[in-house]
Amino acid sequence: MKTILQTYTPVRFQDCDPFNHLNNSKYLDYFINAREDQVLEHYGIDFYKLMKEQGIGWVVGTSQIMYMNPAITMETVLIESQLIKFSNKSLTVEMRMWDKDRTRIKALLWSNYIHFNLRSQRSESHSEEFMSLFGSVLQPINESGFEERGRKLAVQFAKAS
């Protein structure tokens, strides 16, 4: 199974500010939408079906985002995502937005998701099936902190270009 998932998408006019840059709040929308599509396509997880049929899902606990280079109107961007950490009740996903050639990083996001039971309104442990899946697609990173990770990517791709 793939551990780093990818999606290409255009930056839409209505999501941009007067400078033709993707609006800060819209980065989250692009990241979340890409991850949702990627997880359905590659892992067969339909978040809405899980919520409707089993009453379970994941809620965002925390998000950290670093804006590195602007994404501009009608530019095609590449969004990558990977599971970098998990526990019995949570997931941490790293997402990166690049130019279409993956030579210039636009933004970095770390999101922590809490597994949640909508019926009991409480966090809930992942099933054995989910734990097994997460173990098979886990792609940890070497850096222990978000700022350190952002600096490493910025330096690495500044040298490359």
N, C-alpha and C. Protein backbone atom coordinates (compact mmCIF):
# COMPACT_ATOMS: atom_id res chain seq x y z
N MET A 1 0.83 -1.19 0.00
CA MET A 1 0.00 0.00 0.00
C MET A 1 0.87 1.25 0.00
N LYS A 2 0.39 2.25 -0.68
CA LYS A 2 1.14 3.51 -0.72
C LYS A 2 1.13 4.16 0.67
N THR A 3 2.25 4.76 1.02
CA THR A 3 2.33 5.46 2.30
C THR A 3 2.32 6.97 2.13
N ILE A 4 2.74 7.45 0.97
CA ILE A 4 2.66 8.88 0.66
C ILE A 4 1.66 9.02 -0.48
N LEU A 5 0.56 9.69 -0.20
CA LEU A 5 -0.53 9.84 -1.15
C LEU A 5 -0.45 11.20 -1.83
N GLN A 6 -0.85 11.26 -3.10
CA GLN A 6 -0.71 12.49 -3.87
C GLN A 6 -1.98 12.85 -4.62
N THR A 7 -2.22 14.15 -4.72
CA THR A 7 -3.35 14.69 -5.48
C THR A 7 -2.90 15.99 -6.13
N TYR A 8 -3.26 16.16 -7.41
CA TYR A 8 -3.05 17.43 -8.10
C TYR A 8 -4.38 18.17 -8.13
N THR A 9 -4.32 19.48 -7.91
CA THR A 9 -5.55 20.28 -7.95
C THR A 9 -5.21 21.71 -8.34
N PRO A 10 -6.11 22.37 -9.08
CA PRO A 10 -5.87 23.77 -9.40
C PRO A 10 -6.30 24.68 -8.25
N VAL A 11 -5.61 25.79 -8.13
CA VAL A 11 -5.98 26.81 -7.14
C VAL A 11 -7.08 27.66 -7.78
N ARG A 12 -8.23 27.66 -7.18
CA ARG A 12 -9.40 28.33 -7.74
C ARG A 12 -9.43 29.84 -7.43
N PHE A 13 -9.93 30.60 -8.40
CA PHE A 13 -10.02 32.05 -8.27
C PHE A 13 -10.77 32.47 -7.00
N GLN A 14 -11.91 31.83 -6.73
CA GLN A 14 -12.73 32.23 -5.58
C GLN A 14 -12.06 31.96 -4.23
N ASP A 15 -10.98 31.18 -4.22
CA ASP A 15 -10.27 30.85 -2.99
C ASP A 15 -9.07 31.77 -2.74
N CYS A 16 -8.90 32.74 -3.61
CA CYS A 16 -7.71 33.60 -3.53
C CYS A 16 -8.04 35.00 -3.02
N ASP A 17 -7.00 35.66 -2.51
CA ASP A 17 -7.13 37.03 -2.01
C ASP A 17 -6.87 38.02 -3.16
N PRO A 18 -6.95 39.32 -2.91
CA PRO A 18 -6.73 40.31 -3.98
C PRO A 18 -5.33 40.27 -4.61
N PHE A 19 -4.39 39.59 -3.96
CA PHE A 19 -3.03 39.47 -4.51
C PHE A 19 -2.87 38.22 -5.37
N ASN A 20 -3.97 37.51 -5.62
CA ASN A 20 -3.99 36.25 -6.35
C ASN A 20 -3.29 35.11 -5.61
N HIS A 21 -3.15 35.24 -4.30
CA HIS A 21 -2.58 34.18 -3.47
C HIS A 21 -3.73 33.40 -2.84
N LEU A 22 -3.54 32.10 -2.70
CA LEU A 22 -4.53 31.28 -2.00
C LEU A 22 -4.71 31.85 -0.59
N ASN A 23 -5.95 32.10 -0.21
CA ASN A 23 -6.25 32.66 1.10
C ASN A 23 -5.79 31.69 2.19
N ASN A 24 -5.22 32.23 3.26
CA ASN A 24 -4.66 31.39 4.34
C ASN A 24 -5.64 30.33 4.82
N SER A 25 -6.88 30.68 5.04
CA SER A 25 -7.84 29.71 5.56
C SER A 25 -8.17 28.61 4.55
N LYS A 26 -8.00 28.89 3.28
CA LYS A 26 -8.33 27.92 2.24
C LYS A 26 -7.29 26.80 2.13
N TYR A 27 -6.07 27.02 2.60
CA TYR A 27 -5.08 25.96 2.60
C TYR A 27 -5.62 24.75 3.35
N LEU A 28 -6.26 25.00 4.48
CA LEU A 28 -6.82 23.89 5.26
C LEU A 28 -7.86 23.13 4.45
N ASP A 29 -8.73 23.86 3.75
CA ASP A 29 -9.74 23.21 2.92
C ASP A 29 -9.09 22.32 1.86
N TYR A 30 -8.08 22.85 1.19
CA TYR A 30 -7.40 22.08 0.14
C TYR A 30 -6.75 20.83 0.72
N PHE A 31 -6.09 20.98 1.85
CA PHE A 31 -5.44 19.83 2.49
C PHE A 31 -6.46 18.77 2.91
N ILE A 32 -7.50 19.19 3.60
CA ILE A 32 -8.50 18.24 4.12
C ILE A 32 -9.22 17.54 2.97
N ASN A 33 -9.61 18.30 1.95
CA ASN A 33 -10.29 17.69 0.80
C ASN A 33 -9.40 16.68 0.09
N ALA A 34 -8.13 17.03 -0.08
CA ALA A 34 -7.19 16.10 -0.74
C ALA A 34 -7.05 14.83 0.08
N ARG A 35 -6.85 14.97 1.40
CA ARG A 35 -6.67 13.78 2.25
C ARG A 35 -7.91 12.89 2.21
N GLU A 36 -9.08 13.49 2.28
CA GLU A 36 -10.32 12.72 2.23
C GLU A 36 -10.40 11.90 0.94
N ASP A 37 -10.11 12.52 -0.19
CA ASP A 37 -10.13 11.82 -1.48
C ASP A 37 -9.07 10.74 -1.54
N GLN A 38 -7.88 11.03 -1.05
CA GLN A 38 -6.76 10.08 -1.08
C GLN A 38 -7.06 8.84 -0.26
N VAL A 39 -7.58 9.03 0.94
CA VAL A 39 -7.86 7.91 1.84
C VAL A 39 -8.95 7.02 1.27
N LEU A 40 -9.95 7.61 0.64
CA LEU A 40 -11.00 6.82 0.01
C LEU A 40 -10.42 6.02 -1.17
N GLU A 41 -9.66 6.69 -2.02
CA GLU A 41 -9.11 6.03 -3.21
C GLU A 41 -8.11 4.93 -2.87
N HIS A 42 -7.19 5.19 -1.95
CA HIS A 42 -6.09 4.26 -1.70
C HIS A 42 -6.36 3.25 -0.58
N TYR A 43 -7.17 3.63 0.42
CA TYR A 43 -7.39 2.75 1.56
C TYR A 43 -8.83 2.28 1.69
N GLY A 44 -9.71 2.82 0.85
CA GLY A 44 -11.11 2.41 0.87
C GLY A 44 -11.88 2.89 2.09
N ILE A 45 -11.38 3.94 2.74
CA ILE A 45 -12.07 4.47 3.93
C ILE A 45 -12.98 5.61 3.50
N ASP A 46 -14.27 5.41 3.65
CA ASP A 46 -15.27 6.42 3.34
C ASP A 46 -15.74 7.03 4.65
N PHE A 47 -15.27 8.23 4.93
CA PHE A 47 -15.57 8.88 6.22
C PHE A 47 -17.06 9.04 6.45
N TYR A 48 -17.80 9.39 5.41
CA TYR A 48 -19.23 9.63 5.58
C TYR A 48 -19.99 8.33 5.83
N LYS A 49 -19.57 7.27 5.17
CA LYS A 49 -20.20 5.97 5.39
C LYS A 49 -19.94 5.50 6.82
N LEU A 50 -18.70 5.67 7.30
CA LEU A 50 -18.39 5.30 8.69
C LEU A 50 -19.24 6.07 9.69
N MET A 51 -19.39 7.38 9.45
CA MET A 51 -20.21 8.20 10.36
C MET A 51 -21.66 7.74 10.34
N LYS A 52 -22.17 7.51 9.14
CA LYS A 52 -23.58 7.16 9.01
C LYS A 52 -23.88 5.76 9.56
N GLU A 53 -23.03 4.78 9.21
CA GLU A 53 -23.32 3.40 9.56
C GLU A 53 -22.82 2.99 10.94
N GLN A 54 -21.64 3.49 11.34
CA GLN A 54 -21.06 3.06 12.61
C GLN A 54 -21.02 4.16 13.67
N GLY A 55 -21.31 5.38 13.26
CA GLY A 55 -21.29 6.49 14.21
C GLY A 55 -19.89 6.86 14.68
N ILE A 56 -18.88 6.56 13.85
CA ILE A 56 -17.50 6.91 14.23
C ILE A 56 -16.86 7.79 13.18
N GLY A 57 -15.83 8.49 13.60
CA GLY A 57 -15.08 9.35 12.70
C GLY A 57 -13.88 9.91 13.43
N TRP A 58 -13.30 10.94 12.85
CA TRP A 58 -12.15 11.61 13.46
C TRP A 58 -12.43 13.09 13.47
N VAL A 59 -12.10 13.73 14.57
CA VAL A 59 -12.23 15.18 14.68
C VAL A 59 -10.83 15.76 14.81
N VAL A 60 -10.67 16.97 14.32
CA VAL A 60 -9.37 17.63 14.40
C VAL A 60 -9.12 18.06 15.84
N GLY A 61 -8.00 17.60 16.37
CA GLY A 61 -7.59 18.02 17.71
C GLY A 61 -6.71 19.25 17.65
N THR A 62 -5.71 19.22 16.77
CA THR A 62 -4.82 20.36 16.57
C THR A 62 -4.38 20.40 15.12
N SER A 63 -4.04 21.59 14.66
CA SER A 63 -3.44 21.78 13.34
C SER A 63 -2.36 22.83 13.45
N GLN A 64 -1.24 22.56 12.79
CA GLN A 64 -0.16 23.53 12.68
C GLN A 64 0.12 23.68 11.20
N ILE A 65 0.20 24.93 10.75
CA ILE A 65 0.46 25.17 9.33
C ILE A 65 1.58 26.19 9.18
N MET A 66 2.43 25.94 8.20
CA MET A 66 3.53 26.84 7.89
C MET A 66 3.36 27.22 6.42
N TYR A 67 3.22 28.51 6.16
CA TYR A 67 3.10 29.02 4.79
C TYR A 67 4.50 29.37 4.31
N MET A 68 4.94 28.76 3.22
CA MET A 68 6.33 28.90 2.80
C MET A 68 6.49 29.67 1.48
N ASN A 69 5.66 29.40 0.52
CA ASN A 69 5.63 30.10 -0.77
C ASN A 69 4.18 30.19 -1.20
N PRO A 70 3.77 31.30 -1.80
CA PRO A 70 2.36 31.45 -2.15
C PRO A 70 1.93 30.50 -3.26
N ALA A 71 0.72 30.00 -3.12
CA ALA A 71 0.04 29.29 -4.21
C ALA A 71 -0.83 30.34 -4.88
N ILE A 72 -0.80 30.39 -6.19
CA ILE A 72 -1.48 31.49 -6.89
C ILE A 72 -2.63 30.99 -7.76
N THR A 73 -3.50 31.91 -8.11
CA THR A 73 -4.70 31.62 -8.88
C THR A 73 -4.39 30.78 -10.12
N MET A 74 -5.12 29.70 -10.28
CA MET A 74 -5.08 28.77 -11.41
C MET A 74 -3.76 28.00 -11.54
N GLU A 75 -2.91 28.09 -10.54
CA GLU A 75 -1.72 27.24 -10.51
C GLU A 75 -2.16 25.83 -10.11
N THR A 76 -1.58 24.83 -10.73
CA THR A 76 -1.82 23.45 -10.31
C THR A 76 -0.83 23.12 -9.20
N VAL A 77 -1.36 22.63 -8.09
CA VAL A 77 -0.50 22.26 -6.96
C VAL A 77 -0.62 20.76 -6.71
N LEU A 78 0.44 20.23 -6.12
CA LEU A 78 0.49 18.84 -5.71
C LEU A 78 0.33 18.81 -4.20
N ILE A 79 -0.61 18.02 -3.71
CA ILE A 79 -0.79 17.86 -2.27
C ILE A 79 -0.44 16.43 -1.91
N GLU A 80 0.55 16.30 -1.02
CA GLU A 80 0.97 15.00 -0.51
C GLU A 80 0.51 14.87 0.93
N SER A 81 0.20 13.65 1.33
CA SER A 81 -0.14 13.42 2.73
C SER A 81 0.40 12.06 3.15
N GLN A 82 0.71 11.97 4.45
CA GLN A 82 1.19 10.70 4.99
C GLN A 82 0.92 10.66 6.48
N LEU A 83 0.67 9.47 6.96
CA LEU A 83 0.50 9.23 8.39
C LEU A 83 1.88 9.18 9.01
N ILE A 84 2.16 10.08 9.95
CA ILE A 84 3.50 10.11 10.56
C ILE A 84 3.52 9.57 11.98
N LYS A 85 2.34 9.42 12.59
CA LYS A 85 2.27 8.91 13.96
C LYS A 85 0.83 8.48 14.22
N PHE A 86 0.68 7.45 15.07
CA PHE A 86 -0.67 7.07 15.49
C PHE A 86 -0.61 6.40 16.86
N SER A 87 -1.76 6.44 17.53
CA SER A 87 -1.92 5.75 18.81
C SER A 87 -3.28 5.06 18.77
N ASN A 88 -3.68 4.48 19.88
CA ASN A 88 -4.97 3.77 19.87
C ASN A 88 -6.16 4.72 19.71
N LYS A 89 -5.97 6.03 19.95
CA LYS A 89 -7.08 6.97 19.82
C LYS A 89 -6.80 8.17 18.92
N SER A 90 -5.60 8.24 18.33
CA SER A 90 -5.31 9.44 17.52
C SER A 90 -4.41 9.13 16.33
N LEU A 91 -4.42 10.06 15.38
CA LEU A 91 -3.59 9.99 14.18
C LEU A 91 -2.93 11.35 14.00
N THR A 92 -1.69 11.35 13.54
CA THR A 92 -1.03 12.60 13.14
C THR A 92 -0.65 12.45 11.68
N VAL A 93 -1.14 13.38 10.87
CA VAL A 93 -0.93 13.36 9.43
C VAL A 93 -0.13 14.59 9.03
N GLU A 94 0.90 14.37 8.22
CA GLU A 94 1.63 15.49 7.63
C GLU A 94 1.14 15.66 6.21
N MET A 95 0.90 16.92 5.82
CA MET A 95 0.50 17.23 4.46
C MET A 95 1.39 18.35 3.94
N ARG A 96 1.76 18.22 2.66
CA ARG A 96 2.62 19.20 2.04
C ARG A 96 1.99 19.65 0.73
N MET A 97 2.03 20.94 0.46
CA MET A 97 1.57 21.48 -0.82
C MET A 97 2.81 21.94 -1.58
N TRP A 98 2.90 21.51 -2.85
CA TRP A 98 4.03 21.81 -3.73
C TRP A 98 3.55 22.45 -5.02
N ASP A 99 4.48 23.01 -5.78
CA ASP A 99 4.16 23.34 -7.17
C ASP A 99 3.97 22.02 -7.91
N LYS A 100 3.47 22.07 -9.13
CA LYS A 100 3.12 20.82 -9.83
C LYS A 100 4.33 19.93 -10.12
N ASP A 101 5.53 20.52 -10.18
CA ASP A 101 6.74 19.74 -10.45
C ASP A 101 7.44 19.26 -9.18
N ARG A 102 6.87 19.58 -8.04
CA ARG A 102 7.43 19.21 -6.73
C ARG A 102 8.85 19.73 -6.53
N THR A 103 9.05 20.98 -6.97
CA THR A 103 10.35 21.61 -6.79
C THR A 103 10.30 22.78 -5.80
N ARG A 104 9.10 23.25 -5.51
CA ARG A 104 8.94 24.38 -4.60
C ARG A 104 7.81 24.09 -3.62
N ILE A 105 8.15 24.07 -2.34
CA ILE A 105 7.13 23.78 -1.33
C ILE A 105 6.33 25.05 -1.03
N LYS A 106 5.02 24.88 -0.96
CA LYS A 106 4.11 26.00 -0.70
C LYS A 106 3.72 26.08 0.77
N ALA A 107 3.40 24.93 1.36
CA ALA A 107 2.93 24.92 2.75
C ALA A 107 3.12 23.53 3.35
N LEU A 108 3.21 23.52 4.67
CA LEU A 108 3.35 22.30 5.46
C LEU A 108 2.27 22.32 6.53
N LEU A 109 1.60 21.18 6.72
CA LEU A 109 0.55 21.07 7.72
C LEU A 109 0.75 19.79 8.52
N TRP A 110 0.64 19.90 9.83
CA TRP A 110 0.52 18.73 10.70
C TRP A 110 -0.85 18.82 11.35
N SER A 111 -1.65 17.78 11.20
CA SER A 111 -2.96 17.71 11.85
C SER A 111 -3.03 16.47 12.71
N ASN A 112 -3.56 16.67 13.91
CA ASN A 112 -3.78 15.56 14.82
C ASN A 112 -5.28 15.32 14.89
N TYR A 113 -5.68 14.08 14.63
CA TYR A 113 -7.09 13.70 14.60
C TYR A 113 -7.39 12.74 15.74
N ILE A 114 -8.49 12.99 16.41
CA ILE A 114 -8.94 12.15 17.51
C ILE A 114 -10.07 11.25 17.02
N HIS A 115 -9.95 9.94 17.26
CA HIS A 115 -11.01 9.00 16.88
C HIS A 115 -12.19 9.24 17.81
N PHE A 116 -13.36 9.42 17.24
CA PHE A 116 -14.51 9.91 18.00
C PHE A 116 -15.75 9.09 17.68
N ASN A 117 -16.51 8.77 18.73
CA ASN A 117 -17.78 8.09 18.59
C ASN A 117 -18.89 9.13 18.68
N LEU A 118 -19.59 9.33 17.59
CA LEU A 118 -20.63 10.36 17.54
C LEU A 118 -21.82 10.03 18.42
N ARG A 119 -22.07 8.76 18.63
CA ARG A 119 -23.23 8.36 19.45
C ARG A 119 -22.98 8.59 20.93
N SER A 120 -21.78 8.24 21.39
CA SER A 120 -21.46 8.43 22.81
C SER A 120 -20.87 9.81 23.09
N GLN A 121 -20.48 10.52 22.03
CA GLN A 121 -19.86 11.84 22.14
C GLN A 121 -18.55 11.79 22.94
N ARG A 122 -17.78 10.72 22.73
CA ARG A 122 -16.51 10.52 23.42
C ARG A 122 -15.46 9.99 22.45
N SER A 123 -14.20 10.22 22.81
CA SER A 123 -13.14 9.60 22.03
C SER A 123 -13.23 8.09 22.21
N GLU A 124 -12.72 7.39 21.23
CA GLU A 124 -12.85 5.94 21.23
C GLU A 124 -11.57 5.32 20.66
N SER A 125 -11.21 4.15 21.16
CA SER A 125 -10.04 3.44 20.63
C SER A 125 -10.32 2.94 19.22
N HIS A 126 -9.27 2.94 18.40
CA HIS A 126 -9.37 2.40 17.06
C HIS A 126 -9.58 0.88 17.12
N SER A 127 -10.27 0.37 16.13
CA SER A 127 -10.44 -1.08 16.02
C SER A 127 -9.10 -1.73 15.66
N GLU A 128 -9.04 -3.04 15.84
CA GLU A 128 -7.83 -3.78 15.45
C GLU A 128 -7.57 -3.63 13.96
N GLU A 129 -8.64 -3.59 13.18
CA GLU A 129 -8.51 -3.45 11.73
C GLU A 129 -7.84 -2.11 11.38
N PHE A 130 -8.29 -1.03 12.03
CA PHE A 130 -7.67 0.28 11.78
C PHE A 130 -6.22 0.29 12.25
N MET A 131 -5.96 -0.26 13.43
CA MET A 131 -4.59 -0.28 13.96
C MET A 131 -3.66 -1.02 13.00
N SER A 132 -4.14 -2.11 12.43
CA SER A 132 -3.35 -2.87 11.47
C SER A 132 -3.08 -2.05 10.21
N LEU A 133 -4.13 -1.39 9.70
CA LEU A 133 -3.97 -0.54 8.52
C LEU A 133 -2.97 0.58 8.80
N PHE A 134 -3.13 1.26 9.94
CA PHE A 134 -2.24 2.37 10.26
C PHE A 134 -0.79 1.89 10.37
N GLY A 135 -0.59 0.72 10.95
CA GLY A 135 0.75 0.17 11.05
C GLY A 135 1.37 -0.11 9.68
N SER A 136 0.53 -0.50 8.72
CA SER A 136 1.05 -0.83 7.39
C SER A 136 1.32 0.40 6.52
N VAL A 137 0.70 1.54 6.84
CA VAL A 137 0.91 2.74 6.01
C VAL A 137 1.69 3.83 6.74
N LEU A 138 2.08 3.58 7.95
CA LEU A 138 2.85 4.56 8.72
C LEU A 138 4.13 4.92 7.99
N GLN A 139 4.37 6.21 7.84
CA GLN A 139 5.60 6.72 7.21
C GLN A 139 6.15 7.81 8.14
N PRO A 140 6.86 7.40 9.19
CA PRO A 140 7.35 8.40 10.15
C PRO A 140 8.42 9.29 9.53
N ILE A 141 8.66 10.41 10.17
CA ILE A 141 9.69 11.34 9.73
C ILE A 141 10.78 11.41 10.79
N ASN A 142 11.93 11.92 10.43
CA ASN A 142 13.06 11.98 11.36
C ASN A 142 12.96 13.13 12.35
N GLU A 143 12.34 14.21 11.96
CA GLU A 143 12.27 15.39 12.82
C GLU A 143 11.22 15.19 13.92
N SER A 144 11.53 15.69 15.09
CA SER A 144 10.60 15.50 16.21
C SER A 144 9.60 16.64 16.36
N GLY A 145 9.89 17.79 15.76
CA GLY A 145 8.99 18.93 15.93
C GLY A 145 8.61 19.57 14.60
N PHE A 146 7.50 20.27 14.63
CA PHE A 146 6.96 20.90 13.43
C PHE A 146 7.90 21.96 12.87
N GLU A 147 8.39 22.84 13.71
CA GLU A 147 9.29 23.91 13.24
C GLU A 147 10.55 23.32 12.62
N GLU A 148 11.10 22.32 13.27
CA GLU A 148 12.30 21.66 12.75
C GLU A 148 12.01 21.05 11.37
N ARG A 149 10.87 20.41 11.22
CA ARG A 149 10.48 19.80 9.95
C ARG A 149 10.35 20.86 8.87
N GLY A 150 9.70 21.96 9.19
CA GLY A 150 9.53 23.04 8.22
C GLY A 150 10.86 23.62 7.77
N ARG A 151 11.76 23.85 8.72
CA ARG A 151 13.09 24.38 8.38
C ARG A 151 13.84 23.41 7.47
N LYS A 152 13.78 22.13 7.78
CA LYS A 152 14.49 21.13 6.98
C LYS A 152 13.98 21.13 5.54
N LEU A 153 12.66 21.13 5.36
CA LEU A 153 12.09 21.13 4.02
C LEU A 153 12.44 22.41 3.27
N ALA A 154 12.40 23.54 3.96
CA ALA A 154 12.72 24.82 3.32
C ALA A 154 14.17 24.84 2.84
N VAL A 155 15.07 24.38 3.68
CA VAL A 155 16.50 24.35 3.32
C VAL A 155 16.75 23.33 2.21
N GLN A 156 16.17 22.17 2.34
CA GLN A 156 16.37 21.10 1.37
C GLN A 156 15.94 21.53 -0.03
N PHE A 157 14.79 22.20 -0.13
CA PHE A 157 14.29 22.57 -1.45
C PHE A 157 14.79 23.92 -1.91
N ALA A 158 15.34 24.74 -1.04
CA ALA A 158 16.02 25.96 -1.47
C ALA A 158 17.31 25.59 -2.19
N LYS A 159 18.01 24.60 -1.66
CA LYS A 159 19.26 24.12 -2.28
C LYS A 159 18.98 23.48 -3.63
N ALA A 160 17.86 22.76 -3.72
CA ALA A 160 17.53 22.05 -4.96
C ALA A 160 17.20 23.02 -6.10
N SER A 161 16.68 24.17 -5.77
CA SER A 161 16.30 25.12 -6.82
C SER A 161 17.36 26.19 -6.96
